[in-house]
N, C-alpha and C. Protein backbone atom coordinates (compact mmCIF):
# COMPACT_ATOMS: atom_id res chain seq x y z
N UNK A 1 108.58 255.17 180.91
CA UNK A 1 109.33 255.16 179.66
C UNK A 1 108.68 256.02 178.58
N UNK A 2 107.41 256.37 178.79
CA UNK A 2 106.73 257.13 177.75
C UNK A 2 106.77 258.61 178.01
N UNK A 3 106.01 259.36 177.18
CA UNK A 3 105.89 260.79 177.39
C UNK A 3 107.00 261.56 176.73
N UNK A 4 106.98 262.85 176.92
CA UNK A 4 107.98 263.73 176.32
C UNK A 4 109.24 263.68 177.14
N UNK A 5 110.38 263.62 176.47
CA UNK A 5 111.65 263.44 177.16
C UNK A 5 112.49 264.70 177.06
N UNK A 6 113.04 265.13 178.20
CA UNK A 6 114.01 266.22 178.22
C UNK A 6 115.37 265.59 178.48
N UNK A 7 116.34 265.84 177.60
CA UNK A 7 117.61 265.17 177.77
C UNK A 7 118.74 266.19 177.65
N UNK A 8 119.73 266.04 178.52
CA UNK A 8 120.91 266.90 178.45
C UNK A 8 122.15 266.08 178.19
N UNK A 9 121.97 264.94 177.50
CA UNK A 9 123.12 264.14 177.13
C UNK A 9 122.98 263.75 175.67
N UNK A 10 124.06 263.24 175.09
CA UNK A 10 124.04 262.94 173.66
C UNK A 10 123.51 261.55 173.43
N UNK A 11 122.20 261.38 173.56
CA UNK A 11 121.56 260.11 173.28
C UNK A 11 121.28 260.02 171.81
N UNK A 12 120.02 259.98 171.43
CA UNK A 12 119.69 259.91 170.01
C UNK A 12 119.93 261.27 169.37
N UNK A 13 120.48 261.27 168.19
CA UNK A 13 120.73 262.53 167.49
C UNK A 13 120.03 262.54 166.15
N UNK A 14 118.83 261.92 166.09
CA UNK A 14 118.19 261.76 164.80
C UNK A 14 117.07 262.75 164.55
N UNK A 15 116.20 262.97 165.51
CA UNK A 15 115.03 263.80 165.27
C UNK A 15 115.31 265.24 165.66
N UNK A 16 115.91 265.99 164.76
CA UNK A 16 116.38 267.34 165.08
C UNK A 16 115.35 268.39 164.69
N UNK A 17 114.13 268.26 165.18
CA UNK A 17 113.12 269.26 164.86
C UNK A 17 112.99 270.20 166.05
N UNK A 18 114.02 271.02 166.26
CA UNK A 18 114.02 271.92 167.39
C UNK A 18 113.73 273.34 166.92
N UNK A 19 114.09 274.32 167.74
CA UNK A 19 113.81 275.70 167.39
C UNK A 19 114.53 276.11 166.11
N UNK A 20 115.66 275.49 165.85
CA UNK A 20 116.41 275.78 164.64
C UNK A 20 116.66 274.49 163.89
N UNK A 21 116.66 274.55 162.57
CA UNK A 21 116.92 273.37 161.76
C UNK A 21 118.42 273.07 161.76
N UNK A 22 118.75 271.82 161.40
CA UNK A 22 120.15 271.46 161.25
C UNK A 22 120.73 272.21 160.05
N UNK A 23 121.88 272.82 160.22
CA UNK A 23 122.54 273.54 159.14
C UNK A 23 123.74 272.71 158.69
N UNK A 24 123.73 272.27 157.45
CA UNK A 24 124.80 271.43 156.94
C UNK A 24 126.05 272.26 156.68
N UNK A 25 127.20 271.64 156.91
CA UNK A 25 128.46 272.32 156.65
C UNK A 25 129.50 271.35 156.12
N UNK A 26 130.56 271.84 155.58
CA UNK A 26 131.58 270.98 155.00
C UNK A 26 132.65 270.58 156.00
N UNK A 27 132.62 271.13 157.20
CA UNK A 27 133.68 270.86 158.17
C UNK A 27 133.40 269.66 159.05
N UNK A 28 132.25 268.99 158.87
CA UNK A 28 131.90 267.89 159.74
C UNK A 28 131.25 268.34 161.02
N UNK A 29 130.85 269.59 161.09
CA UNK A 29 130.20 270.14 162.27
C UNK A 29 128.92 270.84 161.84
N UNK A 30 127.80 270.57 162.53
CA UNK A 30 126.52 271.16 162.17
C UNK A 30 125.91 271.83 163.40
N UNK A 31 125.20 272.91 163.17
CA UNK A 31 124.51 273.62 164.26
C UNK A 31 123.15 272.97 164.48
N UNK A 32 122.89 272.51 165.70
CA UNK A 32 121.59 271.92 166.03
C UNK A 32 120.65 272.99 166.54
N UNK A 33 121.04 273.71 167.54
CA UNK A 33 120.33 274.89 168.02
C UNK A 33 121.37 275.76 168.70
N UNK A 34 120.96 276.78 169.39
CA UNK A 34 121.96 277.70 169.94
C UNK A 34 122.75 277.09 171.09
N UNK A 35 122.31 275.92 171.56
CA UNK A 35 123.01 275.27 172.67
C UNK A 35 123.95 274.15 172.22
N UNK A 36 123.65 273.51 171.09
CA UNK A 36 124.33 272.26 170.73
C UNK A 36 124.86 272.28 169.31
N UNK A 37 125.93 271.52 169.11
CA UNK A 37 126.45 271.24 167.78
C UNK A 37 126.58 269.74 167.61
N UNK A 38 126.37 269.26 166.38
CA UNK A 38 126.57 267.87 166.05
C UNK A 38 127.96 267.72 165.44
N UNK A 39 128.76 266.84 166.01
CA UNK A 39 130.06 266.51 165.45
C UNK A 39 130.03 265.09 164.91
N UNK A 40 131.02 264.76 164.12
CA UNK A 40 131.09 263.41 163.57
C UNK A 40 132.48 262.83 163.77
N UNK A 41 132.52 261.57 164.17
CA UNK A 41 133.77 260.83 164.34
C UNK A 41 133.68 259.54 163.54
N UNK A 42 134.77 259.18 162.85
CA UNK A 42 134.79 257.92 162.12
C UNK A 42 134.67 256.73 163.05
N UNK A 43 135.04 256.91 164.31
CA UNK A 43 135.03 255.81 165.27
C UNK A 43 133.67 255.61 165.91
N UNK A 44 133.01 256.70 166.33
CA UNK A 44 131.74 256.56 167.07
C UNK A 44 130.56 257.18 166.35
N UNK A 45 130.76 257.78 165.19
CA UNK A 45 129.65 258.40 164.46
C UNK A 45 129.33 259.78 164.98
N UNK A 46 128.04 260.12 165.03
CA UNK A 46 127.63 261.46 165.46
C UNK A 46 127.61 261.58 166.98
N UNK A 47 127.94 262.77 167.45
CA UNK A 47 127.84 263.04 168.88
C UNK A 47 127.60 264.53 169.06
N UNK A 48 127.19 264.92 170.27
CA UNK A 48 126.82 266.30 170.54
C UNK A 48 127.84 266.95 171.47
N UNK A 49 128.09 268.24 171.24
CA UNK A 49 128.89 269.03 172.15
C UNK A 49 128.14 270.33 172.43
N UNK A 50 128.47 270.96 173.56
CA UNK A 50 127.85 272.24 173.90
C UNK A 50 128.39 273.33 172.98
N UNK A 51 127.49 274.15 172.46
CA UNK A 51 127.88 275.27 171.60
C UNK A 51 128.07 276.56 172.39
N UNK A 52 127.74 276.52 173.68
CA UNK A 52 127.83 277.72 174.51
C UNK A 52 127.88 277.27 175.95
N UNK A 53 128.16 278.18 176.87
CA UNK A 53 128.08 277.87 178.29
C UNK A 53 126.62 277.60 178.66
N UNK A 54 126.39 276.55 179.44
CA UNK A 54 125.04 276.14 179.77
C UNK A 54 124.75 276.38 181.24
N UNK A 55 123.56 276.91 181.51
CA UNK A 55 123.11 277.07 182.88
C UNK A 55 122.46 275.79 183.37
N UNK A 56 122.57 275.48 184.66
CA UNK A 56 121.90 274.29 185.20
C UNK A 56 120.40 274.33 184.89
N UNK A 57 119.87 273.19 184.46
CA UNK A 57 118.44 273.10 184.16
C UNK A 57 118.07 273.49 182.75
N UNK A 58 119.05 273.86 181.92
CA UNK A 58 118.76 274.22 180.53
C UNK A 58 118.25 273.00 179.77
N UNK A 59 117.12 273.13 179.09
CA UNK A 59 116.59 272.05 178.27
C UNK A 59 117.31 272.07 176.92
N UNK A 60 118.00 271.00 176.63
CA UNK A 60 118.78 270.93 175.41
C UNK A 60 118.00 270.30 174.27
N UNK A 61 117.31 269.21 174.54
CA UNK A 61 116.51 268.52 173.54
C UNK A 61 115.17 268.15 174.16
N UNK A 62 114.13 268.24 173.39
CA UNK A 62 112.81 267.85 173.87
C UNK A 62 112.06 267.22 172.70
N UNK A 63 111.69 265.96 172.85
CA UNK A 63 111.04 265.27 171.75
C UNK A 63 110.25 264.07 172.29
N UNK A 64 109.28 263.63 171.53
CA UNK A 64 108.50 262.46 171.89
C UNK A 64 109.22 261.21 171.40
N UNK A 65 109.12 260.10 172.13
CA UNK A 65 109.74 258.86 171.67
C UNK A 65 109.03 258.31 170.43
N UNK A 66 109.79 257.71 169.55
CA UNK A 66 109.21 257.07 168.37
C UNK A 66 108.84 255.63 168.68
N UNK A 67 109.67 254.96 169.48
CA UNK A 67 109.40 253.58 169.90
C UNK A 67 109.59 253.49 171.40
N UNK A 68 108.69 252.81 172.07
CA UNK A 68 108.79 252.56 173.51
C UNK A 68 108.78 251.06 173.73
N UNK A 69 109.72 250.56 174.53
CA UNK A 69 109.74 249.13 174.80
C UNK A 69 110.68 248.82 175.94
N UNK A 70 110.64 247.58 176.44
CA UNK A 70 111.50 247.19 177.57
C UNK A 70 112.96 247.10 177.17
N UNK A 71 113.85 247.44 178.10
CA UNK A 71 115.28 247.28 177.88
C UNK A 71 115.65 245.81 177.86
N UNK A 72 116.78 245.50 177.23
CA UNK A 72 117.26 244.13 177.22
C UNK A 72 117.50 243.65 178.65
N UNK A 73 117.04 242.45 178.95
CA UNK A 73 117.27 241.85 180.25
C UNK A 73 116.32 242.30 181.33
N UNK A 74 115.33 243.13 180.99
CA UNK A 74 114.42 243.63 182.01
C UNK A 74 113.50 242.54 182.54
N UNK A 75 113.17 241.58 181.70
CA UNK A 75 112.29 240.50 182.14
C UNK A 75 110.84 240.77 181.78
N UNK A 76 109.92 239.98 182.32
CA UNK A 76 108.50 240.08 181.95
C UNK A 76 107.94 241.47 182.21
N UNK A 77 107.37 242.07 181.17
CA UNK A 77 106.74 243.38 181.28
C UNK A 77 105.41 243.34 180.55
N UNK A 78 104.48 244.15 181.01
CA UNK A 78 103.19 244.25 180.34
C UNK A 78 103.38 244.87 178.97
N UNK A 79 102.90 244.20 177.94
CA UNK A 79 103.08 244.71 176.58
C UNK A 79 102.24 245.95 176.33
N UNK A 80 101.24 246.20 177.16
CA UNK A 80 100.34 247.33 176.93
C UNK A 80 100.80 248.60 177.63
N UNK A 81 101.28 248.49 178.87
CA UNK A 81 101.65 249.70 179.62
C UNK A 81 103.13 249.75 179.99
N UNK A 82 103.86 248.62 179.87
CA UNK A 82 105.27 248.60 180.20
C UNK A 82 105.58 248.28 181.64
N UNK A 83 104.56 248.07 182.46
CA UNK A 83 104.77 247.75 183.87
C UNK A 83 105.39 246.38 184.01
N UNK A 84 106.35 246.25 184.95
CA UNK A 84 106.96 244.95 185.18
C UNK A 84 105.95 243.99 185.79
N UNK A 85 106.04 242.73 185.38
CA UNK A 85 105.13 241.69 185.86
C UNK A 85 105.93 240.77 186.77
N UNK A 86 105.47 240.58 187.98
CA UNK A 86 106.15 239.70 188.92
C UNK A 86 105.90 238.25 188.53
N UNK A 87 106.98 237.51 188.36
CA UNK A 87 106.87 236.13 187.88
C UNK A 87 106.14 235.23 188.86
N UNK A 88 106.03 235.66 190.14
CA UNK A 88 105.35 234.82 191.13
C UNK A 88 103.83 234.94 191.03
N UNK A 89 103.38 235.92 190.23
CA UNK A 89 101.94 236.06 190.08
C UNK A 89 101.37 234.85 189.38
N UNK A 90 100.32 234.30 189.92
CA UNK A 90 99.74 233.08 189.36
C UNK A 90 98.22 233.11 189.48
N UNK A 91 97.48 233.01 188.38
CA UNK A 91 98.00 232.91 187.02
C UNK A 91 98.33 234.29 186.45
N UNK A 92 99.21 234.33 185.46
CA UNK A 92 99.58 235.58 184.80
C UNK A 92 98.50 235.95 183.79
N UNK A 93 98.07 237.21 183.80
CA UNK A 93 97.09 237.66 182.81
C UNK A 93 97.76 237.71 181.45
N UNK A 94 96.97 237.42 180.41
CA UNK A 94 97.54 237.36 179.06
C UNK A 94 96.63 238.06 178.06
N UNK A 95 97.26 238.57 177.00
CA UNK A 95 96.49 239.15 175.90
C UNK A 95 95.55 238.10 175.32
N UNK A 96 94.33 238.52 175.06
CA UNK A 96 93.32 237.57 174.61
C UNK A 96 93.66 236.96 173.26
N UNK A 97 94.44 237.66 172.44
CA UNK A 97 94.72 237.17 171.09
C UNK A 97 96.06 236.45 170.98
N UNK A 98 97.14 237.10 171.43
CA UNK A 98 98.47 236.51 171.23
C UNK A 98 98.95 235.70 172.42
N UNK A 99 98.29 235.87 173.58
CA UNK A 99 98.60 235.13 174.81
C UNK A 99 99.91 235.55 175.47
N UNK A 100 100.49 236.68 175.04
CA UNK A 100 101.66 237.20 175.73
C UNK A 100 101.21 237.95 176.99
N UNK A 101 102.07 238.01 178.01
CA UNK A 101 101.65 238.56 179.31
C UNK A 101 101.29 240.04 179.28
N UNK A 102 100.29 240.39 180.08
CA UNK A 102 99.92 241.77 180.39
C UNK A 102 99.73 241.84 181.89
N UNK A 103 99.74 243.05 182.44
CA UNK A 103 99.67 243.18 183.89
C UNK A 103 98.30 242.80 184.43
N UNK A 104 97.26 243.10 183.65
CA UNK A 104 95.90 242.69 184.02
C UNK A 104 95.05 242.71 182.75
N UNK A 105 94.00 241.95 182.77
CA UNK A 105 93.20 241.78 181.56
C UNK A 105 92.63 243.09 181.03
N UNK A 106 92.30 244.02 181.92
CA UNK A 106 91.68 245.26 181.48
C UNK A 106 92.66 246.37 181.17
N UNK A 107 93.97 246.10 181.21
CA UNK A 107 94.97 247.15 180.98
C UNK A 107 94.85 247.69 179.56
N UNK A 108 94.78 249.02 179.44
CA UNK A 108 94.73 249.68 178.15
C UNK A 108 95.93 250.61 177.95
N UNK A 109 96.98 250.39 178.73
CA UNK A 109 98.14 251.25 178.65
C UNK A 109 98.00 252.45 179.57
N UNK A 110 98.99 253.34 179.51
CA UNK A 110 98.96 254.54 180.34
C UNK A 110 98.37 255.69 179.54
N UNK A 111 99.17 256.26 178.64
CA UNK A 111 98.64 257.29 177.75
C UNK A 111 98.07 256.68 176.48
N UNK A 112 98.58 255.51 176.13
CA UNK A 112 98.08 254.77 174.97
C UNK A 112 98.57 253.34 175.11
N UNK A 113 97.97 252.46 174.33
CA UNK A 113 98.31 251.04 174.38
C UNK A 113 99.57 250.79 173.54
N UNK A 114 100.64 250.32 174.18
CA UNK A 114 101.89 250.06 173.47
C UNK A 114 101.80 248.83 172.58
N UNK A 115 100.88 247.95 172.89
CA UNK A 115 100.75 246.66 172.20
C UNK A 115 99.88 246.85 170.96
N UNK A 116 100.51 247.16 169.84
CA UNK A 116 99.78 247.49 168.62
C UNK A 116 99.14 246.25 168.01
N UNK A 117 98.09 246.43 167.19
CA UNK A 117 97.51 245.28 166.48
C UNK A 117 98.53 244.55 165.62
N UNK A 118 99.47 245.29 165.00
CA UNK A 118 100.49 244.64 164.17
C UNK A 118 101.39 243.75 165.01
N UNK A 119 101.80 244.25 166.18
CA UNK A 119 102.63 243.45 167.07
C UNK A 119 101.87 242.23 167.56
N UNK A 120 100.63 242.43 167.92
CA UNK A 120 99.80 241.32 168.41
C UNK A 120 99.66 240.25 167.34
N UNK A 121 99.50 240.67 166.09
CA UNK A 121 99.36 239.71 164.99
C UNK A 121 100.63 238.87 164.84
N UNK A 122 101.81 239.53 164.89
CA UNK A 122 103.07 238.80 164.78
C UNK A 122 103.21 237.81 165.93
N UNK A 123 102.96 238.26 167.15
CA UNK A 123 103.15 237.40 168.32
C UNK A 123 102.10 236.29 168.39
N UNK A 124 100.93 236.53 167.81
CA UNK A 124 99.89 235.48 167.81
C UNK A 124 100.30 234.30 166.95
N UNK A 125 101.24 234.54 166.03
CA UNK A 125 101.74 233.47 165.15
C UNK A 125 103.05 232.89 165.67
N UNK A 126 103.47 233.34 166.85
CA UNK A 126 104.76 232.93 167.39
C UNK A 126 104.78 231.43 167.66
N UNK A 127 105.95 230.86 167.43
CA UNK A 127 106.11 229.43 167.68
C UNK A 127 106.20 229.13 169.16
N UNK A 128 106.48 230.15 169.97
CA UNK A 128 106.65 229.93 171.40
C UNK A 128 106.12 231.11 172.18
N UNK A 129 105.36 230.83 173.21
CA UNK A 129 104.85 231.87 174.11
C UNK A 129 105.84 231.99 175.27
N UNK A 130 106.17 233.20 175.72
CA UNK A 130 107.26 233.35 176.69
C UNK A 130 106.99 232.68 178.02
N UNK A 131 107.95 231.85 178.40
CA UNK A 131 107.93 231.26 179.73
C UNK A 131 109.23 231.60 180.44
N UNK A 132 110.08 232.39 179.79
CA UNK A 132 111.36 232.78 180.37
C UNK A 132 111.67 234.22 179.97
N UNK A 133 112.50 234.86 180.76
CA UNK A 133 112.75 236.29 180.59
C UNK A 133 113.36 236.65 179.26
N UNK A 134 114.22 235.79 178.71
CA UNK A 134 114.98 236.17 177.53
C UNK A 134 114.08 236.49 176.35
N UNK A 135 112.91 235.90 176.27
CA UNK A 135 112.05 236.13 175.12
C UNK A 135 111.54 237.56 175.06
N UNK A 136 111.51 238.26 176.18
CA UNK A 136 111.05 239.65 176.17
C UNK A 136 112.07 240.57 175.51
N UNK A 137 113.30 240.07 175.29
CA UNK A 137 114.31 240.88 174.62
C UNK A 137 113.95 241.19 173.17
N UNK A 138 113.00 240.46 172.61
CA UNK A 138 112.65 240.69 171.20
C UNK A 138 111.66 241.83 171.03
N UNK A 139 110.99 242.27 172.10
CA UNK A 139 109.85 243.18 171.96
C UNK A 139 110.26 244.52 171.37
N UNK A 140 111.27 245.17 171.93
CA UNK A 140 111.66 246.48 171.42
C UNK A 140 112.23 246.40 170.00
N UNK A 141 113.14 245.43 169.69
CA UNK A 141 113.55 245.30 168.29
C UNK A 141 112.38 245.05 167.35
N UNK A 142 111.42 244.25 167.76
CA UNK A 142 110.25 244.00 166.92
C UNK A 142 109.48 245.29 166.67
N UNK A 143 109.32 246.12 167.68
CA UNK A 143 108.60 247.39 167.52
C UNK A 143 109.34 248.33 166.57
N UNK A 144 110.66 248.32 166.63
CA UNK A 144 111.42 249.15 165.69
C UNK A 144 111.22 248.65 164.27
N UNK A 145 111.29 247.34 164.06
CA UNK A 145 111.12 246.76 162.73
C UNK A 145 109.71 246.99 162.19
N UNK A 146 108.72 246.91 163.06
CA UNK A 146 107.34 247.17 162.63
C UNK A 146 107.14 248.64 162.28
N UNK A 147 107.86 249.53 162.98
CA UNK A 147 107.81 250.95 162.64
C UNK A 147 108.35 251.16 161.23
N UNK A 148 109.45 250.50 160.92
CA UNK A 148 110.01 250.61 159.56
C UNK A 148 109.02 250.11 158.52
N UNK A 149 108.35 249.01 158.82
CA UNK A 149 107.43 248.42 157.85
C UNK A 149 106.15 249.21 157.69
N UNK A 150 105.57 249.65 158.82
CA UNK A 150 104.21 250.19 158.80
C UNK A 150 104.13 251.70 158.88
N UNK A 151 105.21 252.36 159.36
CA UNK A 151 105.19 253.81 159.53
C UNK A 151 106.44 254.41 158.90
N UNK A 152 106.53 254.39 157.58
CA UNK A 152 107.76 254.86 156.91
C UNK A 152 108.11 256.30 157.23
N UNK A 153 107.11 257.15 157.48
CA UNK A 153 107.41 258.55 157.82
C UNK A 153 108.20 258.63 159.12
N UNK A 154 107.78 257.84 160.11
CA UNK A 154 108.53 257.81 161.37
C UNK A 154 109.92 257.23 161.15
N UNK A 155 110.00 256.20 160.31
CA UNK A 155 111.27 255.53 160.10
C UNK A 155 112.31 256.48 159.50
N UNK A 156 111.86 257.32 158.57
CA UNK A 156 112.80 258.24 157.94
C UNK A 156 113.33 259.27 158.93
N UNK A 157 112.62 259.49 160.04
CA UNK A 157 113.09 260.43 161.06
C UNK A 157 114.27 259.86 161.85
N UNK A 158 114.38 258.54 161.90
CA UNK A 158 115.37 257.92 162.78
C UNK A 158 116.80 258.20 162.32
N UNK A 159 117.14 257.81 161.10
CA UNK A 159 118.47 258.06 160.55
C UNK A 159 119.57 257.65 161.53
N UNK A 160 119.41 256.48 162.11
CA UNK A 160 120.33 256.04 163.15
C UNK A 160 121.52 255.30 162.56
N UNK A 161 122.56 255.16 163.35
CA UNK A 161 123.75 254.42 162.96
C UNK A 161 123.89 253.20 163.86
N UNK A 162 124.12 252.04 163.26
CA UNK A 162 124.25 250.82 164.06
C UNK A 162 125.70 250.38 164.23
N UNK A 163 126.59 250.83 163.35
CA UNK A 163 128.02 250.49 163.41
C UNK A 163 128.23 248.98 163.56
N UNK A 164 127.52 248.20 162.74
CA UNK A 164 127.63 246.75 162.83
C UNK A 164 129.05 246.27 162.60
N UNK A 165 129.78 246.91 161.68
CA UNK A 165 131.14 246.47 161.39
C UNK A 165 132.04 246.62 162.61
N UNK A 166 131.83 247.71 163.38
CA UNK A 166 132.63 247.91 164.59
C UNK A 166 132.15 247.01 165.71
N UNK A 167 130.85 246.85 165.83
CA UNK A 167 130.29 246.01 166.90
C UNK A 167 130.72 244.56 166.76
N UNK A 168 130.90 244.09 165.52
CA UNK A 168 131.33 242.71 165.30
C UNK A 168 132.73 242.43 165.84
N UNK A 169 133.53 243.47 165.98
CA UNK A 169 134.89 243.29 166.48
C UNK A 169 134.88 242.91 167.96
N UNK A 170 133.83 243.27 168.68
CA UNK A 170 133.69 242.88 170.08
C UNK A 170 132.90 241.58 170.11
N UNK A 171 133.61 240.45 170.04
CA UNK A 171 132.95 239.16 169.88
C UNK A 171 132.01 238.84 171.04
N UNK A 172 132.44 239.12 172.26
CA UNK A 172 131.59 238.81 173.42
C UNK A 172 130.27 239.58 173.34
N UNK A 173 130.35 240.84 172.98
CA UNK A 173 129.15 241.65 172.88
C UNK A 173 128.25 241.19 171.73
N UNK A 174 128.87 240.93 170.57
CA UNK A 174 128.10 240.47 169.42
C UNK A 174 127.41 239.14 169.72
N UNK A 175 128.15 238.22 170.37
CA UNK A 175 127.58 236.92 170.72
C UNK A 175 126.44 237.07 171.73
N UNK A 176 126.54 238.07 172.62
CA UNK A 176 125.46 238.31 173.58
C UNK A 176 124.17 238.66 172.84
N UNK A 177 124.24 239.60 171.90
CA UNK A 177 123.05 239.99 171.16
C UNK A 177 122.56 238.86 170.26
N UNK A 178 123.50 238.06 169.73
CA UNK A 178 123.09 236.91 168.93
C UNK A 178 122.28 235.93 169.78
N UNK A 179 122.77 235.64 170.96
CA UNK A 179 122.14 234.64 171.83
C UNK A 179 120.86 235.17 172.47
N UNK A 180 120.94 236.39 173.03
CA UNK A 180 119.85 236.88 173.85
C UNK A 180 118.73 237.55 173.05
N UNK A 181 119.04 238.01 171.84
CA UNK A 181 118.03 238.73 171.06
C UNK A 181 117.75 238.03 169.73
N UNK A 182 118.80 237.86 168.91
CA UNK A 182 118.58 237.33 167.56
C UNK A 182 118.08 235.90 167.60
N UNK A 183 118.71 235.05 168.41
CA UNK A 183 118.26 233.66 168.49
C UNK A 183 116.87 233.57 169.11
N UNK A 184 116.60 234.42 170.11
CA UNK A 184 115.26 234.44 170.71
C UNK A 184 114.22 234.90 169.70
N UNK A 185 114.59 235.90 168.88
CA UNK A 185 113.70 236.38 167.83
C UNK A 185 113.37 235.25 166.86
N UNK A 186 114.39 234.50 166.48
CA UNK A 186 114.19 233.38 165.56
C UNK A 186 113.32 232.31 166.19
N UNK A 187 113.54 232.05 167.48
CA UNK A 187 112.78 231.02 168.19
C UNK A 187 111.30 231.38 168.26
N UNK A 188 111.02 232.65 168.47
CA UNK A 188 109.64 233.08 168.64
C UNK A 188 108.96 233.34 167.30
N UNK A 189 109.62 234.12 166.45
CA UNK A 189 108.97 234.63 165.24
C UNK A 189 109.48 234.01 163.95
N UNK A 190 110.63 233.34 164.01
CA UNK A 190 111.25 232.91 162.77
C UNK A 190 111.76 234.12 162.02
N UNK A 191 112.17 233.94 160.78
CA UNK A 191 112.68 235.04 159.97
C UNK A 191 111.95 235.12 158.65
N UNK A 192 110.62 234.94 158.72
CA UNK A 192 109.84 235.00 157.49
C UNK A 192 109.84 236.40 156.90
N UNK A 193 109.84 237.41 157.76
CA UNK A 193 109.71 238.79 157.28
C UNK A 193 110.97 239.62 157.51
N UNK A 194 111.62 239.42 158.64
CA UNK A 194 112.82 240.19 158.97
C UNK A 194 114.01 239.24 159.06
N UNK A 195 115.15 239.67 158.53
CA UNK A 195 116.32 238.81 158.49
C UNK A 195 117.13 238.93 159.77
N UNK A 196 118.04 237.98 159.95
CA UNK A 196 118.93 238.01 161.11
C UNK A 196 119.78 239.27 161.11
N UNK A 197 120.28 239.65 159.95
CA UNK A 197 121.09 240.87 159.86
C UNK A 197 120.28 242.10 160.25
N UNK A 198 119.01 242.16 159.86
CA UNK A 198 118.17 243.31 160.21
C UNK A 198 117.97 243.39 161.72
N UNK A 199 117.79 242.24 162.38
CA UNK A 199 117.62 242.25 163.84
C UNK A 199 118.91 242.71 164.50
N UNK A 200 120.06 242.25 164.00
CA UNK A 200 121.35 242.70 164.56
C UNK A 200 121.50 244.22 164.39
N UNK A 201 121.11 244.74 163.23
CA UNK A 201 121.22 246.17 162.99
C UNK A 201 120.36 246.96 163.96
N UNK A 202 119.15 246.49 164.22
CA UNK A 202 118.27 247.16 165.18
C UNK A 202 118.87 247.09 166.58
N UNK A 203 119.50 245.96 166.93
CA UNK A 203 120.19 245.88 168.22
C UNK A 203 121.26 246.97 168.32
N UNK A 204 121.94 247.23 167.20
CA UNK A 204 122.93 248.31 167.19
C UNK A 204 122.29 249.66 167.39
N UNK A 205 121.14 249.90 166.73
CA UNK A 205 120.42 251.16 166.94
C UNK A 205 120.14 251.35 168.43
N UNK A 206 119.62 250.30 169.07
CA UNK A 206 119.20 250.41 170.47
C UNK A 206 120.40 250.52 171.40
N UNK A 207 121.45 249.80 171.08
CA UNK A 207 122.64 249.85 171.93
C UNK A 207 123.29 251.22 171.91
N UNK A 208 123.36 251.83 170.74
CA UNK A 208 124.12 253.08 170.57
C UNK A 208 123.27 254.34 170.71
N UNK A 209 121.96 254.22 170.49
CA UNK A 209 121.13 255.41 170.44
C UNK A 209 120.01 255.44 171.46
N UNK A 210 119.90 254.41 172.30
CA UNK A 210 118.83 254.36 173.29
C UNK A 210 118.91 255.58 174.19
N UNK A 211 117.80 256.25 174.54
CA UNK A 211 116.45 255.88 174.20
C UNK A 211 116.03 256.36 172.82
N UNK A 212 115.28 255.49 172.09
CA UNK A 212 114.68 255.89 170.82
C UNK A 212 113.33 256.53 171.12
């Protein structure tokens, strides 16, 4: 999940620091680089289209991830390296401070440790230590929220759209995120620092713009 990403699809459209800067225009269309244009729709927000004929293997976007974390429903994963943890492992290795699972006690991540001191501090105060898969759904939203709090320069790069008003119209989907993410977030961390609406908004960022 880490490392530099090459993408040829319209995933995240926020960090446009490519060979050419974004050029603003009044027509609702912006030039991203010589290969891509950013369009805007009232229904789905920003999206990308090809600005020219593309050869197979053409690199369209290349950028480092701002946040790395497990996908919703992935289950137990090492907070330090992202490796999946088999639930049959007994006993499960845990972080010395927050007691959340890691793949092994000596794990320091792959290229770097994903489990930041700020995250560890929040989870060390958690009302519940994960014994079920659903609690891991809070990790990536928590990392996004901590980025907003602790790394404002990175946060300003995101400029993502959550479309909460449109997402609320799909009741089954909204209820899924309420149950599997927002309620789990409340169960583990409470809402002393981040509100329920903020967690829902981050779920929208991840749903519509993943990978971040």
